[in-house]
Amino acid sequence: MQPTRHVLPVRNFFARFHPQPGFSKPVMARMPIVNRTTQAGFVNFDKNAPVLGRMGPLEVRLVRSVSEIKQAQQLRYLVFYEELNATPDEVTKAKRRDVDAYDPICDHLVVLDAEQKRHPIVATYRLLRQEIADRFGGFYSASEFSIDPLLSAHSEKRFLELGRSCVLKDYRNKRTIELLW
């Protein structure tokens, strides 16, 4: 049976999230329509994402579900807000997840510990491919830095933006970092 197709303007979907300071309005205005058959409006996850590497009980791969994206956001909250003392707004504090408008269009790389059944995600990186950034109004970095000269100087290249990297304190070691890289 085919899932019911729901179409929602991405800018309206993103408005449900609290954009981080510096998220440019021109980017929001250029957000296209997304087909929401991929659960909860998230664009990039593959339920069959292969394991990309293993070291002992740790494995690295892209997320396979919206639930895993939410777990990665919970990990980011734990590291950024609880451990590193960033100041959450009220929505972030209530949800206990670090969420922004770029999450639905990014790939999420995670390191999982097979021995941890309850919360197996112990590290995460958010990846934004240039072809996706171009379709959705640009890289997150462009809201913080002037990156147009870099992109223009290497127009024949394809860029990948890495961001929102974090590792659970007990897993900050060579093995986990090697898997992320």
Protein backbone atom coordinates (compact mmCIF):
# COMPACT_ATOMS: atom_id res chain seq x y z
CA MET A 1 0.00 0.00 0.00
CA GLN A 2 1.35 3.42 -0.99
CA PRO A 3 1.70 5.98 1.82
CA THR A 4 -0.50 9.04 1.61
CA ARG A 5 1.45 11.88 0.07
CA HIS A 6 1.45 15.15 1.93
CA VAL A 7 3.08 18.20 0.45
CA LEU A 8 4.06 21.06 2.72
CA PRO A 9 6.06 24.17 1.91
CA VAL A 10 9.43 23.72 3.58
CA ARG A 11 9.44 27.31 4.83
CA ASN A 12 6.21 26.56 6.75
CA PHE A 13 7.61 23.28 8.02
CA PHE A 14 10.81 25.02 9.14
CA ALA A 15 8.80 27.74 10.88
CA ARG A 16 7.79 25.08 13.40
CA PHE A 17 11.43 24.96 14.44
CA HIS A 18 13.14 27.87 16.09
CA PRO A 19 15.77 29.12 13.64
CA GLN A 20 19.15 29.84 15.17
CA PRO A 21 20.26 33.49 15.28
CA GLY A 22 21.70 34.45 11.93
CA PHE A 23 19.47 32.15 9.85
CA SER A 24 18.83 34.44 6.95
CA LYS A 25 15.33 35.29 5.80
CA PRO A 26 16.36 35.13 2.13
CA VAL A 27 17.25 31.46 2.67
CA MET A 28 13.83 30.79 4.22
CA ALA A 29 12.09 32.56 1.33
CA ARG A 30 13.81 30.31 -1.25
CA MET A 31 12.89 27.02 0.44
CA PRO A 32 11.02 24.81 -2.07
CA ILE A 33 8.21 22.31 -1.63
CA VAL A 34 9.17 18.96 -0.10
CA ASN A 35 7.29 15.70 -0.42
CA ARG A 36 6.68 14.54 3.15
CA THR A 37 6.50 10.83 2.47
CA THR A 38 9.84 10.60 4.28
CA GLN A 39 8.27 10.79 7.77
CA ALA A 40 7.81 14.00 9.70
CA GLY A 41 9.18 16.18 6.89
CA PHE A 42 12.76 14.98 7.15
CA VAL A 43 14.29 14.77 3.71
CA ASN A 44 17.47 12.81 4.16
CA PHE A 45 17.51 9.42 5.75
CA ASP A 46 17.86 5.97 4.28
CA LYS A 47 16.30 3.06 6.16
CA ASN A 48 18.84 0.77 4.48
CA ALA A 49 21.94 2.92 5.10
CA PRO A 50 24.92 0.56 5.20
CA VAL A 51 27.44 0.45 8.01
CA LEU A 52 30.43 2.47 6.76
CA GLY A 53 32.95 1.29 9.32
CA ARG A 54 33.37 -0.70 12.56
CA MET A 55 35.80 -0.70 15.45
CA GLY A 56 34.94 -3.04 18.30
CA PRO A 57 31.36 -2.34 19.40
CA LEU A 58 31.28 1.01 17.53
CA GLU A 59 29.90 1.46 14.04
CA VAL A 60 29.45 4.50 11.83
CA ARG A 61 26.68 5.07 9.29
CA LEU A 62 24.06 7.56 8.18
CA VAL A 63 20.85 7.66 10.19
CA ARG A 64 18.13 5.22 9.19
CA SER A 65 15.07 6.90 10.69
CA VAL A 66 13.57 10.10 12.03
CA SER A 67 13.94 8.56 15.49
CA GLU A 68 17.71 8.41 14.99
CA ILE A 69 17.78 12.04 13.84
CA LYS A 70 15.95 12.95 17.06
CA GLN A 71 18.45 10.89 19.09
CA ALA A 72 21.31 12.78 17.41
CA GLN A 73 19.59 16.06 18.29
CA GLN A 74 19.25 14.87 21.91
CA LEU A 75 22.97 14.07 21.97
CA ARG A 76 23.73 17.56 20.64
CA TYR A 77 21.56 19.06 23.38
CA LEU A 78 23.34 17.04 26.04
CA VAL A 79 26.78 18.10 24.82
CA PHE A 80 26.11 21.71 23.76
CA TYR A 81 23.63 22.81 26.43
CA GLU A 82 24.17 20.58 29.44
CA GLU A 83 27.90 19.94 29.23
CA LEU A 84 29.19 23.06 27.45
CA ASN A 85 26.61 25.41 29.02
CA ALA A 86 25.12 26.97 25.90
CA THR A 87 21.93 28.86 26.74
CA PRO A 88 18.82 27.20 25.27
CA ASP A 89 15.72 29.12 24.33
CA GLU A 90 12.45 27.93 25.88
CA VAL A 91 11.53 25.59 22.99
CA THR A 92 14.96 23.94 22.99
CA LYS A 93 14.87 23.58 26.77
CA ALA A 94 11.40 22.01 26.70
CA LYS A 95 12.25 19.55 23.89
CA ARG A 96 15.77 18.81 25.20
CA ARG A 97 16.91 18.59 21.58
CA ASP A 98 19.22 20.83 19.55
CA VAL A 99 17.14 21.46 16.44
CA ASP A 100 17.43 24.01 13.68
CA ALA A 101 15.99 24.59 10.23
CA TYR A 102 18.85 22.81 8.46
CA ASP A 103 18.33 19.43 10.15
CA PRO A 104 15.64 18.22 7.71
CA ILE A 105 17.82 18.79 4.64
CA CYS A 106 21.09 17.41 6.00
CA ASP A 107 22.50 13.93 6.16
CA HIS A 108 23.27 12.87 9.72
CA LEU A 109 26.33 10.72 10.30
CA VAL A 110 26.27 8.83 13.59
CA VAL A 111 28.52 6.56 15.60
CA LEU A 112 26.61 3.91 17.51
CA ASP A 113 27.75 1.71 20.38
CA ALA A 114 26.21 -1.76 19.89
CA GLU A 115 26.58 -2.40 23.62
CA GLN A 116 24.31 0.57 24.48
CA LYS A 117 20.73 -0.54 23.96
CA ARG A 118 18.84 2.48 25.32
CA HIS A 119 20.78 5.34 23.66
CA PRO A 120 23.20 3.82 21.17
CA ILE A 121 24.15 7.05 19.34
CA VAL A 122 27.35 8.32 20.93
CA ALA A 123 28.60 10.75 18.26
CA THR A 124 27.15 12.72 15.38
CA TYR A 125 28.09 14.98 12.50
CA ARG A 126 25.69 16.89 10.29
CA LEU A 127 26.52 16.88 6.57
CA LEU A 128 25.15 19.29 3.97
CA ARG A 129 25.96 18.41 0.37
CA GLN A 130 26.34 21.31 -2.04
CA GLU A 131 23.62 20.11 -4.42
CA ILE A 132 21.17 20.09 -1.49
CA ALA A 133 22.41 23.47 -0.18
CA ASP A 134 21.96 24.95 -3.67
CA ARG A 135 18.36 23.68 -3.84
CA PHE A 136 17.47 24.93 -0.36
CA GLY A 137 19.08 28.36 -0.36
CA GLY A 138 22.69 27.82 0.67
CA PHE A 139 25.01 26.53 3.34
CA TYR A 140 24.52 27.25 7.03
CA SER A 141 28.05 28.71 7.04
CA ALA A 142 26.89 31.46 4.69
CA SER A 143 24.77 32.89 7.52
CA GLU A 144 27.93 33.23 9.65
CA PHE A 145 30.73 33.83 7.13
CA SER A 146 31.27 35.21 3.65
CA ILE A 147 31.86 31.98 1.74
CA ASP A 148 30.82 33.15 -1.74
CA PRO A 149 34.44 33.93 -2.76
CA LEU A 150 35.47 30.37 -1.82
CA LEU A 151 32.56 28.80 -3.71
CA SER A 152 33.13 31.03 -6.75
CA ALA A 153 36.88 30.38 -6.84
CA HIS A 154 36.22 26.63 -6.99
CA SER A 155 32.99 26.43 -8.97
CA GLU A 156 34.12 23.15 -10.56
CA LYS A 157 34.27 21.50 -7.11
CA ARG A 158 31.47 20.05 -5.00
CA PHE A 159 31.55 21.11 -1.36
CA LEU A 160 30.36 19.29 1.73
CA GLU A 161 29.63 21.30 4.85
CA LEU A 162 30.31 19.51 8.13
CA GLY A 163 28.68 20.86 11.25
CA ARG A 164 27.03 20.24 14.59
CA SER A 165 29.74 17.73 15.44
CA CYS A 166 29.63 16.30 18.92
CA VAL A 167 30.76 13.24 20.80
CA LEU A 168 29.52 11.98 24.16
CA LYS A 169 32.18 12.68 26.79
CA ASP A 170 32.99 9.02 27.54
CA TYR A 171 33.56 8.37 23.80
CA ARG A 172 35.96 11.23 23.05
CA ASN A 173 38.83 9.06 21.95
CA LYS A 174 40.83 8.12 18.89
CA ARG A 175 38.52 5.27 17.88
CA THR A 176 35.35 7.40 17.77
CA ILE A 177 37.04 10.30 15.96
CA GLU A 178 38.52 7.92 13.38
CA LEU A 179 35.06 6.54 12.68
CA LEU A 180 33.56 10.02 12.29
CA TRP A 181 36.34 11.06 9.92
